[in-house]
N, C-alpha and C. Protein backbone atom coordinates (compact mmCIF):
# COMPACT_ATOMS: atom_id res chain seq x y z
N MET A 1 4.15 -6.35 22.01
CA MET A 1 3.24 -6.58 20.92
C MET A 1 3.65 -7.85 20.19
N PHE A 2 2.70 -8.61 19.74
CA PHE A 2 2.90 -9.82 18.96
C PHE A 2 3.66 -10.91 19.72
N GLU A 3 3.57 -10.97 21.07
CA GLU A 3 4.29 -12.00 21.79
C GLU A 3 3.70 -13.38 21.56
N ASN A 4 2.39 -13.47 21.48
CA ASN A 4 1.71 -14.75 21.33
C ASN A 4 1.48 -15.02 19.84
N GLU A 5 2.10 -16.08 19.33
CA GLU A 5 2.02 -16.38 17.90
C GLU A 5 0.59 -16.67 17.46
N LEU A 6 -0.17 -17.43 18.27
CA LEU A 6 -1.54 -17.77 17.91
C LEU A 6 -2.43 -16.52 17.85
N GLN A 7 -2.27 -15.61 18.81
CA GLN A 7 -3.06 -14.37 18.79
C GLN A 7 -2.70 -13.52 17.58
N THR A 8 -1.42 -13.48 17.24
CA THR A 8 -0.99 -12.71 16.07
C THR A 8 -1.61 -13.27 14.80
N ARG A 9 -1.56 -14.58 14.63
CA ARG A 9 -2.14 -15.20 13.43
C ARG A 9 -3.66 -14.98 13.38
N CYS A 10 -4.33 -15.12 14.53
CA CYS A 10 -5.78 -14.90 14.57
C CYS A 10 -6.13 -13.46 14.23
N ALA A 11 -5.34 -12.50 14.73
CA ALA A 11 -5.61 -11.09 14.44
C ALA A 11 -5.44 -10.80 12.96
N ILE A 12 -4.39 -11.34 12.34
CA ILE A 12 -4.16 -11.10 10.91
C ILE A 12 -5.24 -11.76 10.07
N CYS A 13 -5.58 -13.01 10.40
CA CYS A 13 -6.64 -13.72 9.66
C CYS A 13 -7.99 -13.01 9.84
N GLY A 14 -8.26 -12.57 11.05
CA GLY A 14 -9.51 -11.84 11.31
C GLY A 14 -9.58 -10.55 10.51
N THR A 15 -8.45 -9.87 10.38
CA THR A 15 -8.40 -8.65 9.57
C THR A 15 -8.71 -8.97 8.11
N GLY A 16 -8.15 -10.06 7.60
CA GLY A 16 -8.42 -10.46 6.21
C GLY A 16 -9.89 -10.79 5.99
N ILE A 17 -10.48 -11.50 6.94
CA ILE A 17 -11.90 -11.86 6.82
C ILE A 17 -12.77 -10.62 6.90
N LEU A 18 -12.46 -9.71 7.83
CA LEU A 18 -13.23 -8.47 7.96
C LEU A 18 -13.13 -7.62 6.69
N LEU A 19 -11.93 -7.50 6.14
CA LEU A 19 -11.77 -6.76 4.89
C LEU A 19 -12.59 -7.39 3.76
N GLY A 20 -12.55 -8.72 3.68
CA GLY A 20 -13.32 -9.42 2.65
C GLY A 20 -14.81 -9.15 2.78
N LEU A 21 -15.32 -9.19 4.00
CA LEU A 21 -16.74 -8.90 4.23
C LEU A 21 -17.09 -7.47 3.84
N ILE A 22 -16.22 -6.54 4.18
CA ILE A 22 -16.47 -5.14 3.82
C ILE A 22 -16.51 -4.99 2.31
N PHE A 23 -15.57 -5.61 1.60
CA PHE A 23 -15.53 -5.51 0.14
C PHE A 23 -16.76 -6.12 -0.49
N VAL A 24 -17.22 -7.26 0.04
CA VAL A 24 -18.40 -7.92 -0.51
C VAL A 24 -19.66 -7.11 -0.22
N LEU A 25 -19.80 -6.65 1.01
CA LEU A 25 -21.00 -5.88 1.38
C LEU A 25 -21.06 -4.52 0.71
N ALA A 26 -19.90 -3.96 0.38
CA ALA A 26 -19.87 -2.67 -0.31
C ALA A 26 -20.01 -2.82 -1.82
N HIS A 27 -20.14 -4.07 -2.29
CA HIS A 27 -20.29 -4.37 -3.72
C HIS A 27 -19.16 -3.77 -4.54
N LEU A 28 -17.94 -3.89 -4.01
CA LEU A 28 -16.77 -3.44 -4.74
C LEU A 28 -16.40 -4.48 -5.79
N PRO A 29 -15.60 -4.09 -6.79
CA PRO A 29 -15.20 -5.07 -7.82
C PRO A 29 -14.54 -6.30 -7.19
N HIS A 30 -14.83 -7.45 -7.74
CA HIS A 30 -14.34 -8.71 -7.18
C HIS A 30 -12.82 -8.82 -7.22
N ILE A 31 -12.18 -8.08 -8.11
CA ILE A 31 -10.73 -8.13 -8.19
C ILE A 31 -10.09 -7.63 -6.89
N LEU A 32 -10.78 -6.75 -6.18
CA LEU A 32 -10.25 -6.21 -4.93
C LEU A 32 -10.22 -7.26 -3.81
N LEU A 33 -10.92 -8.37 -3.98
CA LEU A 33 -10.88 -9.43 -2.98
C LEU A 33 -9.49 -10.07 -2.88
N ALA A 34 -8.61 -9.75 -3.82
CA ALA A 34 -7.23 -10.24 -3.74
C ALA A 34 -6.53 -9.69 -2.50
N VAL A 35 -6.88 -8.49 -2.07
CA VAL A 35 -6.25 -7.88 -0.89
C VAL A 35 -6.58 -8.66 0.38
N PRO A 36 -7.88 -8.89 0.71
CA PRO A 36 -8.15 -9.66 1.93
C PRO A 36 -7.65 -11.11 1.84
N ILE A 37 -7.65 -11.68 0.65
CA ILE A 37 -7.13 -13.04 0.50
C ILE A 37 -5.64 -13.06 0.81
N ALA A 38 -4.91 -12.04 0.34
CA ALA A 38 -3.47 -11.95 0.63
C ALA A 38 -3.23 -11.77 2.12
N VAL A 39 -4.04 -10.95 2.78
CA VAL A 39 -3.90 -10.75 4.23
C VAL A 39 -4.19 -12.06 4.96
N LEU A 40 -5.24 -12.75 4.57
CA LEU A 40 -5.57 -14.04 5.18
C LEU A 40 -4.44 -15.05 4.97
N PHE A 41 -3.91 -15.08 3.77
CA PHE A 41 -2.79 -15.99 3.46
C PHE A 41 -1.57 -15.68 4.32
N LEU A 42 -1.27 -14.38 4.47
CA LEU A 42 -0.14 -13.99 5.31
C LEU A 42 -0.35 -14.41 6.76
N GLY A 43 -1.58 -14.29 7.24
CA GLY A 43 -1.88 -14.69 8.61
C GLY A 43 -1.66 -16.18 8.83
N ILE A 44 -1.89 -16.97 7.81
CA ILE A 44 -1.75 -18.42 7.94
C ILE A 44 -0.29 -18.85 7.81
N VAL A 45 0.43 -18.32 6.83
CA VAL A 45 1.76 -18.85 6.54
C VAL A 45 2.93 -18.01 7.04
N ALA A 46 2.72 -16.74 7.34
CA ALA A 46 3.85 -15.87 7.70
C ALA A 46 4.40 -16.20 9.07
N ASP A 47 5.70 -16.13 9.16
CA ASP A 47 6.40 -16.29 10.42
C ASP A 47 6.16 -15.03 11.26
N PRO A 48 5.98 -15.13 12.58
CA PRO A 48 5.74 -13.93 13.39
C PRO A 48 6.84 -12.87 13.24
N GLU A 49 8.08 -13.29 13.04
CA GLU A 49 9.14 -12.30 12.86
C GLU A 49 8.98 -11.54 11.54
N GLU A 50 8.46 -12.22 10.52
CA GLU A 50 8.17 -11.54 9.26
C GLU A 50 7.04 -10.54 9.45
N THR A 51 6.06 -10.94 10.25
CA THR A 51 4.96 -10.02 10.55
C THR A 51 5.47 -8.80 11.30
N HIS A 52 6.40 -9.01 12.22
CA HIS A 52 6.99 -7.89 12.95
C HIS A 52 7.71 -6.95 11.99
N ALA A 53 8.45 -7.52 11.05
CA ALA A 53 9.19 -6.69 10.09
C ALA A 53 8.23 -5.85 9.25
N VAL A 54 7.11 -6.45 8.82
CA VAL A 54 6.10 -5.68 8.06
C VAL A 54 5.54 -4.57 8.94
N TRP A 55 5.23 -4.90 10.18
CA TRP A 55 4.68 -3.92 11.12
C TRP A 55 5.66 -2.76 11.33
N TYR A 56 6.95 -3.08 11.50
CA TYR A 56 7.94 -2.03 11.71
C TYR A 56 8.08 -1.16 10.46
N GLY A 57 7.94 -1.76 9.28
CA GLY A 57 7.96 -0.96 8.06
C GLY A 57 6.79 0.00 7.99
N MET A 58 5.62 -0.47 8.43
CA MET A 58 4.44 0.40 8.46
C MET A 58 4.66 1.55 9.45
N LEU A 59 5.20 1.22 10.62
CA LEU A 59 5.47 2.26 11.62
C LEU A 59 6.53 3.24 11.12
N ASN A 60 7.51 2.75 10.39
CA ASN A 60 8.55 3.63 9.86
C ASN A 60 7.97 4.63 8.87
N THR A 61 6.95 4.23 8.11
CA THR A 61 6.31 5.15 7.19
C THR A 61 5.68 6.32 7.93
N PHE A 62 5.14 6.04 9.11
CA PHE A 62 4.55 7.10 9.94
C PHE A 62 5.60 7.89 10.71
N GLY A 63 6.83 7.38 10.73
CA GLY A 63 7.89 8.07 11.46
C GLY A 63 7.89 7.76 12.95
N ILE A 64 7.27 6.65 13.35
CA ILE A 64 7.21 6.32 14.78
C ILE A 64 7.93 5.02 15.09
N PHE A 65 8.78 4.56 14.20
CA PHE A 65 9.56 3.36 14.45
C PHE A 65 10.89 3.76 15.06
N ASP A 66 11.19 3.24 16.24
CA ASP A 66 12.42 3.56 16.94
C ASP A 66 13.35 2.36 16.86
N PHE A 67 14.31 2.43 15.96
CA PHE A 67 15.22 1.31 15.74
C PHE A 67 16.09 1.06 16.97
N SER A 68 16.35 2.09 17.74
CA SER A 68 17.22 1.92 18.92
C SER A 68 16.54 1.12 20.03
N ALA A 69 15.23 0.96 19.96
CA ALA A 69 14.52 0.21 21.01
C ALA A 69 14.67 -1.30 20.83
N LEU A 70 15.17 -1.74 19.69
CA LEU A 70 15.34 -3.17 19.45
C LEU A 70 16.62 -3.68 20.11
N THR A 71 16.59 -4.91 20.55
CA THR A 71 17.80 -5.53 21.10
C THR A 71 18.74 -5.90 19.94
N ASP A 72 19.98 -6.25 20.28
CA ASP A 72 20.94 -6.61 19.23
C ASP A 72 20.48 -7.84 18.45
N THR A 73 19.89 -8.80 19.14
CA THR A 73 19.39 -10.01 18.47
C THR A 73 18.26 -9.66 17.51
N GLU A 74 17.35 -8.80 17.96
CA GLU A 74 16.24 -8.38 17.09
C GLU A 74 16.75 -7.62 15.88
N ARG A 75 17.74 -6.77 16.08
CA ARG A 75 18.30 -6.00 14.95
C ARG A 75 18.86 -6.94 13.89
N VAL A 76 19.63 -7.91 14.31
CA VAL A 76 20.21 -8.86 13.35
C VAL A 76 19.10 -9.64 12.66
N ASN A 77 18.11 -10.07 13.43
CA ASN A 77 17.00 -10.85 12.89
C ASN A 77 16.20 -10.05 11.87
N TYR A 78 15.85 -8.82 12.21
CA TYR A 78 14.99 -8.03 11.33
C TYR A 78 15.73 -7.47 10.12
N THR A 79 17.03 -7.23 10.25
CA THR A 79 17.76 -6.77 9.07
C THR A 79 17.90 -7.87 8.03
N GLN A 80 17.68 -9.12 8.43
CA GLN A 80 17.66 -10.22 7.47
C GLN A 80 16.31 -10.32 6.78
N LYS A 81 15.34 -9.58 7.23
CA LYS A 81 13.99 -9.60 6.66
C LYS A 81 13.66 -8.23 6.03
N LYS A 82 14.60 -7.71 5.25
CA LYS A 82 14.44 -6.39 4.65
C LYS A 82 13.23 -6.29 3.75
N HIS A 83 12.95 -7.34 2.98
CA HIS A 83 11.84 -7.27 2.03
C HIS A 83 10.50 -7.13 2.74
N TYR A 84 10.36 -7.74 3.89
CA TYR A 84 9.12 -7.60 4.65
C TYR A 84 8.98 -6.18 5.19
N PHE A 85 10.09 -5.63 5.66
CA PHE A 85 10.10 -4.24 6.13
C PHE A 85 9.70 -3.31 4.99
N TRP A 86 10.28 -3.53 3.81
CA TRP A 86 9.97 -2.70 2.65
C TRP A 86 8.52 -2.87 2.22
N PHE A 87 8.00 -4.11 2.31
CA PHE A 87 6.60 -4.35 1.97
C PHE A 87 5.69 -3.52 2.88
N GLY A 88 6.01 -3.47 4.16
CA GLY A 88 5.23 -2.65 5.10
C GLY A 88 5.28 -1.18 4.75
N GLU A 89 6.46 -0.70 4.36
CA GLU A 89 6.60 0.71 3.97
C GLU A 89 5.78 1.03 2.73
N VAL A 90 5.92 0.21 1.70
CA VAL A 90 5.22 0.46 0.43
C VAL A 90 3.71 0.35 0.63
N GLY A 91 3.27 -0.67 1.36
CA GLY A 91 1.83 -0.83 1.61
C GLY A 91 1.23 0.33 2.37
N MET A 92 1.92 0.80 3.40
CA MET A 92 1.39 1.92 4.18
C MET A 92 1.43 3.21 3.38
N ALA A 93 2.47 3.41 2.58
CA ALA A 93 2.53 4.61 1.73
C ALA A 93 1.36 4.61 0.74
N ALA A 94 1.04 3.44 0.19
CA ALA A 94 -0.09 3.35 -0.74
C ALA A 94 -1.41 3.62 -0.03
N MET A 95 -1.55 3.09 1.20
CA MET A 95 -2.80 3.35 1.94
C MET A 95 -2.94 4.82 2.30
N LEU A 96 -1.85 5.44 2.72
CA LEU A 96 -1.91 6.87 3.04
C LEU A 96 -2.30 7.71 1.83
N ALA A 97 -1.67 7.42 0.69
CA ALA A 97 -2.00 8.16 -0.52
C ALA A 97 -3.44 7.88 -0.94
N GLY A 98 -3.88 6.63 -0.79
CA GLY A 98 -5.25 6.27 -1.17
C GLY A 98 -6.31 6.95 -0.34
N VAL A 99 -5.98 7.30 0.91
CA VAL A 99 -6.95 7.99 1.77
C VAL A 99 -7.37 9.31 1.15
N PHE A 100 -6.45 9.97 0.46
CA PHE A 100 -6.78 11.23 -0.18
C PHE A 100 -7.28 11.04 -1.61
N VAL A 101 -6.77 10.03 -2.28
CA VAL A 101 -7.06 9.85 -3.70
C VAL A 101 -8.44 9.28 -3.95
N VAL A 102 -8.86 8.31 -3.16
CA VAL A 102 -10.17 7.67 -3.39
C VAL A 102 -11.31 8.68 -3.30
N PRO A 103 -11.38 9.52 -2.24
CA PRO A 103 -12.45 10.53 -2.23
C PRO A 103 -12.39 11.49 -3.41
N LEU A 104 -11.17 11.86 -3.82
CA LEU A 104 -11.04 12.73 -4.98
C LEU A 104 -11.56 12.05 -6.23
N GLY A 105 -11.22 10.77 -6.41
CA GLY A 105 -11.71 10.02 -7.57
C GLY A 105 -13.23 9.92 -7.57
N ILE A 106 -13.82 9.68 -6.42
CA ILE A 106 -15.29 9.61 -6.32
C ILE A 106 -15.89 10.97 -6.64
N PHE A 107 -15.29 12.04 -6.12
CA PHE A 107 -15.77 13.40 -6.38
C PHE A 107 -15.70 13.71 -7.87
N LEU A 108 -14.55 13.40 -8.49
CA LEU A 108 -14.39 13.69 -9.91
C LEU A 108 -15.28 12.82 -10.79
N ALA A 109 -15.56 11.59 -10.37
CA ALA A 109 -16.40 10.69 -11.16
C ALA A 109 -17.81 11.25 -11.30
N GLY A 110 -18.26 12.00 -10.29
CA GLY A 110 -19.59 12.61 -10.38
C GLY A 110 -19.63 13.82 -11.28
N ARG A 111 -18.48 14.39 -11.58
CA ARG A 111 -18.43 15.62 -12.35
C ARG A 111 -17.81 15.45 -13.74
N ALA A 112 -17.08 14.37 -13.95
CA ALA A 112 -16.38 14.18 -15.23
C ALA A 112 -16.52 12.72 -15.65
N GLU A 113 -16.01 12.45 -16.80
CA GLU A 113 -15.99 11.08 -17.32
C GLU A 113 -15.10 10.23 -16.41
N ILE A 114 -15.41 8.94 -16.28
CA ILE A 114 -14.70 8.06 -15.36
C ILE A 114 -13.21 7.97 -15.68
N THR A 115 -12.85 8.01 -16.95
CA THR A 115 -11.44 7.94 -17.34
C THR A 115 -10.70 9.17 -16.85
N LEU A 116 -11.29 10.32 -17.02
CA LEU A 116 -10.67 11.57 -16.57
C LEU A 116 -10.57 11.58 -15.05
N ALA A 117 -11.58 11.08 -14.37
CA ALA A 117 -11.55 11.02 -12.91
C ALA A 117 -10.43 10.09 -12.44
N PHE A 118 -10.28 8.96 -13.12
CA PHE A 118 -9.23 8.00 -12.77
C PHE A 118 -7.84 8.61 -12.97
N ILE A 119 -7.65 9.29 -14.08
CA ILE A 119 -6.36 9.90 -14.38
C ILE A 119 -6.07 11.02 -13.39
N GLY A 120 -7.06 11.86 -13.09
CA GLY A 120 -6.86 12.94 -12.12
C GLY A 120 -6.49 12.42 -10.74
N ALA A 121 -7.17 11.37 -10.30
CA ALA A 121 -6.85 10.78 -9.00
C ALA A 121 -5.46 10.16 -9.00
N ALA A 122 -5.09 9.54 -10.10
CA ALA A 122 -3.77 8.92 -10.19
C ALA A 122 -2.66 9.96 -10.17
N VAL A 123 -2.91 11.10 -10.80
CA VAL A 123 -1.91 12.17 -10.80
C VAL A 123 -1.68 12.67 -9.38
N LEU A 124 -2.72 12.70 -8.55
CA LEU A 124 -2.56 13.09 -7.15
C LEU A 124 -1.91 11.97 -6.34
N PHE A 125 -2.23 10.71 -6.68
CA PHE A 125 -1.71 9.57 -5.92
C PHE A 125 -0.19 9.49 -6.00
N LEU A 126 0.36 9.70 -7.18
CA LEU A 126 1.80 9.50 -7.37
C LEU A 126 2.66 10.35 -6.44
N PRO A 127 2.45 11.68 -6.37
CA PRO A 127 3.29 12.46 -5.44
C PRO A 127 3.01 12.13 -3.98
N LEU A 128 1.75 11.88 -3.64
CA LEU A 128 1.43 11.54 -2.25
C LEU A 128 2.08 10.24 -1.83
N PHE A 129 2.16 9.28 -2.75
CA PHE A 129 2.74 7.97 -2.46
C PHE A 129 4.20 8.11 -2.04
N VAL A 130 4.91 9.04 -2.64
CA VAL A 130 6.32 9.20 -2.36
C VAL A 130 6.58 10.22 -1.25
N PHE A 131 5.92 11.37 -1.31
CA PHE A 131 6.30 12.48 -0.44
C PHE A 131 5.56 12.52 0.89
N LEU A 132 4.34 12.03 0.98
CA LEU A 132 3.60 12.08 2.24
C LEU A 132 4.30 11.30 3.35
N PRO A 133 4.79 10.08 3.12
CA PRO A 133 5.54 9.39 4.19
C PRO A 133 6.79 10.14 4.62
N LYS A 134 7.49 10.79 3.68
CA LYS A 134 8.69 11.54 4.05
C LYS A 134 8.34 12.75 4.90
N ILE A 135 7.23 13.40 4.59
CA ILE A 135 6.79 14.55 5.39
C ILE A 135 6.41 14.09 6.80
N LEU A 136 5.72 12.94 6.91
CA LEU A 136 5.36 12.41 8.22
C LEU A 136 6.60 12.06 9.04
N GLN A 137 7.59 11.45 8.41
CA GLN A 137 8.82 11.10 9.12
C GLN A 137 9.54 12.34 9.63
N GLN A 138 9.57 13.40 8.82
CA GLN A 138 10.21 14.64 9.26
C GLN A 138 9.42 15.29 10.38
N ALA A 139 8.10 15.26 10.29
CA ALA A 139 7.27 15.88 11.32
C ALA A 139 7.41 15.14 12.66
N MET A 140 7.57 13.83 12.60
CA MET A 140 7.71 13.04 13.83
C MET A 140 9.16 12.99 14.30
N LYS A 141 10.05 13.62 13.54
CA LYS A 141 11.48 13.64 13.86
C LYS A 141 12.04 12.23 14.05
N ALA A 142 11.67 11.36 13.12
CA ALA A 142 12.12 9.97 13.18
C ALA A 142 13.58 9.88 12.79
N ASP A 143 14.25 8.91 13.37
CA ASP A 143 15.65 8.67 13.04
C ASP A 143 15.69 7.76 11.81
N ALA A 144 15.46 8.37 10.65
CA ALA A 144 15.39 7.61 9.41
C ALA A 144 16.76 7.04 9.04
N ASP A 145 17.84 7.70 9.48
CA ASP A 145 19.18 7.21 9.14
C ASP A 145 19.45 5.85 9.75
N ALA A 146 18.99 5.62 10.98
CA ALA A 146 19.21 4.32 11.62
C ALA A 146 18.45 3.22 10.87
N ALA A 147 17.23 3.51 10.44
CA ALA A 147 16.44 2.52 9.69
C ALA A 147 17.07 2.26 8.32
N ILE A 148 17.56 3.32 7.67
CA ILE A 148 18.20 3.14 6.36
C ILE A 148 19.49 2.35 6.50
N GLU A 149 20.23 2.62 7.58
CA GLU A 149 21.48 1.88 7.80
C GLU A 149 21.21 0.40 8.02
N ALA A 150 20.12 0.08 8.73
CA ALA A 150 19.81 -1.32 9.02
C ALA A 150 19.15 -2.03 7.84
N PHE A 151 18.18 -1.38 7.23
CA PHE A 151 17.38 -2.04 6.20
C PHE A 151 17.76 -1.64 4.78
N GLY A 152 18.58 -0.63 4.64
CA GLY A 152 18.94 -0.17 3.31
C GLY A 152 17.89 0.78 2.75
N LYS A 153 18.22 1.43 1.67
CA LYS A 153 17.29 2.34 1.01
C LYS A 153 16.24 1.53 0.30
N ASN A 154 15.00 1.91 0.44
CA ASN A 154 13.90 1.17 -0.16
C ASN A 154 13.75 1.56 -1.63
N GLU A 155 14.28 0.76 -2.50
CA GLU A 155 14.18 1.00 -3.93
C GLU A 155 12.82 0.57 -4.47
N GLN A 156 12.05 -0.16 -3.67
CA GLN A 156 10.73 -0.63 -4.11
C GLN A 156 9.79 0.55 -4.35
N VAL A 157 9.92 1.61 -3.53
CA VAL A 157 9.05 2.77 -3.70
C VAL A 157 9.26 3.39 -5.07
N LYS A 158 10.52 3.52 -5.48
CA LYS A 158 10.79 4.09 -6.80
C LYS A 158 10.22 3.20 -7.91
N LYS A 159 10.35 1.88 -7.76
CA LYS A 159 9.83 0.97 -8.79
C LYS A 159 8.31 1.09 -8.89
N VAL A 160 7.63 1.12 -7.75
CA VAL A 160 6.17 1.25 -7.76
C VAL A 160 5.77 2.59 -8.34
N PHE A 161 6.45 3.65 -7.92
CA PHE A 161 6.14 5.00 -8.41
C PHE A 161 6.25 5.06 -9.93
N TRP A 162 7.38 4.59 -10.48
CA TRP A 162 7.58 4.69 -11.92
C TRP A 162 6.66 3.74 -12.68
N SER A 163 6.33 2.59 -12.11
CA SER A 163 5.38 1.69 -12.77
C SER A 163 4.02 2.35 -12.89
N LEU A 164 3.56 2.95 -11.78
CA LEU A 164 2.27 3.65 -11.82
C LEU A 164 2.31 4.84 -12.77
N PHE A 165 3.43 5.55 -12.78
CA PHE A 165 3.57 6.70 -13.66
C PHE A 165 3.47 6.28 -15.12
N VAL A 166 4.15 5.20 -15.49
CA VAL A 166 4.12 4.73 -16.88
C VAL A 166 2.70 4.28 -17.26
N VAL A 167 2.01 3.60 -16.35
CA VAL A 167 0.64 3.16 -16.63
C VAL A 167 -0.27 4.37 -16.82
N MET A 168 -0.14 5.38 -15.95
CA MET A 168 -0.98 6.57 -16.08
C MET A 168 -0.68 7.33 -17.37
N ALA A 169 0.61 7.43 -17.71
CA ALA A 169 0.97 8.10 -18.96
C ALA A 169 0.40 7.33 -20.15
N GLY A 170 0.43 6.01 -20.08
CA GLY A 170 -0.17 5.19 -21.14
C GLY A 170 -1.66 5.43 -21.27
N LEU A 171 -2.35 5.55 -20.12
CA LEU A 171 -3.78 5.84 -20.18
C LEU A 171 -4.06 7.21 -20.79
N VAL A 172 -3.25 8.20 -20.43
CA VAL A 172 -3.44 9.54 -20.99
C VAL A 172 -3.22 9.52 -22.50
N LEU A 173 -2.14 8.87 -22.94
CA LEU A 173 -1.87 8.79 -24.38
C LEU A 173 -2.96 8.00 -25.11
N ALA A 174 -3.40 6.91 -24.50
CA ALA A 174 -4.47 6.13 -25.13
C ALA A 174 -5.76 6.93 -25.19
N LYS A 175 -6.02 7.73 -24.17
CA LYS A 175 -7.23 8.57 -24.15
C LYS A 175 -7.19 9.58 -25.29
N ILE A 176 -6.00 10.09 -25.56
CA ILE A 176 -5.86 11.08 -26.63
C ILE A 176 -6.01 10.43 -28.00
N PHE A 177 -5.37 9.26 -28.19
CA PHE A 177 -5.34 8.65 -29.52
C PHE A 177 -6.47 7.68 -29.79
N ASP A 178 -6.97 6.97 -28.77
CA ASP A 178 -8.03 5.98 -28.98
C ASP A 178 -8.96 5.92 -27.77
N PRO A 179 -9.89 6.89 -27.66
CA PRO A 179 -10.76 6.96 -26.48
C PRO A 179 -11.66 5.74 -26.30
N VAL A 180 -12.06 5.10 -27.38
CA VAL A 180 -12.97 3.95 -27.28
C VAL A 180 -12.28 2.79 -26.56
N SER A 181 -11.04 2.52 -26.91
CA SER A 181 -10.31 1.42 -26.26
C SER A 181 -10.10 1.70 -24.78
N VAL A 182 -9.80 2.95 -24.43
CA VAL A 182 -9.60 3.31 -23.02
C VAL A 182 -10.89 3.10 -22.24
N GLN A 183 -12.02 3.48 -22.82
CA GLN A 183 -13.29 3.28 -22.12
C GLN A 183 -13.56 1.80 -21.89
N GLN A 184 -13.21 0.97 -22.84
CA GLN A 184 -13.40 -0.48 -22.67
C GLN A 184 -12.50 -1.03 -21.57
N VAL A 185 -11.22 -0.61 -21.56
CA VAL A 185 -10.28 -1.10 -20.54
C VAL A 185 -10.71 -0.63 -19.16
N VAL A 186 -11.06 0.64 -19.01
CA VAL A 186 -11.49 1.16 -17.72
C VAL A 186 -12.80 0.50 -17.30
N GLY A 187 -13.66 0.20 -18.26
CA GLY A 187 -14.90 -0.52 -17.94
C GLY A 187 -14.63 -1.91 -17.42
N ILE A 188 -13.62 -2.59 -17.99
CA ILE A 188 -13.27 -3.93 -17.51
C ILE A 188 -12.67 -3.84 -16.11
N ILE A 189 -11.77 -2.87 -15.89
CA ILE A 189 -11.13 -2.71 -14.57
C ILE A 189 -12.16 -2.33 -13.52
N GLY A 190 -13.06 -1.44 -13.87
CA GLY A 190 -14.04 -0.94 -12.91
C GLY A 190 -15.30 -1.76 -12.79
N SER A 191 -15.43 -2.83 -13.56
CA SER A 191 -16.65 -3.64 -13.49
C SER A 191 -16.74 -4.33 -12.14
N SER A 192 -17.95 -4.53 -11.69
CA SER A 192 -18.13 -5.14 -10.38
C SER A 192 -18.28 -6.65 -10.47
N GLY A 193 -17.76 -7.22 -11.52
CA GLY A 193 -17.77 -8.70 -11.65
C GLY A 193 -18.97 -9.17 -12.46
N PRO A 194 -19.13 -10.50 -12.50
CA PRO A 194 -20.20 -11.07 -13.32
C PRO A 194 -21.56 -10.82 -12.75
C-alpha cells in the first residue's frame, strides 16, 4: 500500500475534493469546508511516510494494525513520526464517535430545541470518543502494547476529551444562566454561511 508517491498524493487530494463537493452539495455550514481543505493540503505537502504513519494510527484505532509486520527500518522511521500516528488515532476515534452522534443529534433536533440536541449528542460523543476504539482493539485482539511501546501513550486523546468536556459543560452552564446568549452562539456555529 502507498508504494507510488504520485498515486498516494492523488488519492488524498481526490478524497479532499470529493469531501468538499459533498459538503457543498449537502449545504452544510461553510466552516466544515476546513476539513476537506486540510485533507487536500495534506495530500499536497505531506511526506508519504507521514501519510503512512497517519494511516497506521487509523488502523490502530480499529485494532488491525500489526506492528510486528514492519521491518526494523520502518519501525525506526515511523516511531520518529509519533504525532502523525496520534493524529490518525484521534481523527479515527472522532469519526467513529461521530457515526453514532450525528444521527442522534439529528433525531434530537427534530424533537427538542437545537441547544439541547447539541448537548445531548455531545454527552454521547465524549464516552464514545474514548472507549469505542478501546473496545474495538480488544475485540480484534490487537497487540496494543507493541504500538504503545513504539509510539508512546497517546495523550492527545485525553486533551481532546477534556477540551470537549469543558466546552460542553460551559454550554450547559450558559444554557442554565443565560439561554439567549447560548441560542445566539449555537445559531452562529450552526449557520450555513452568508
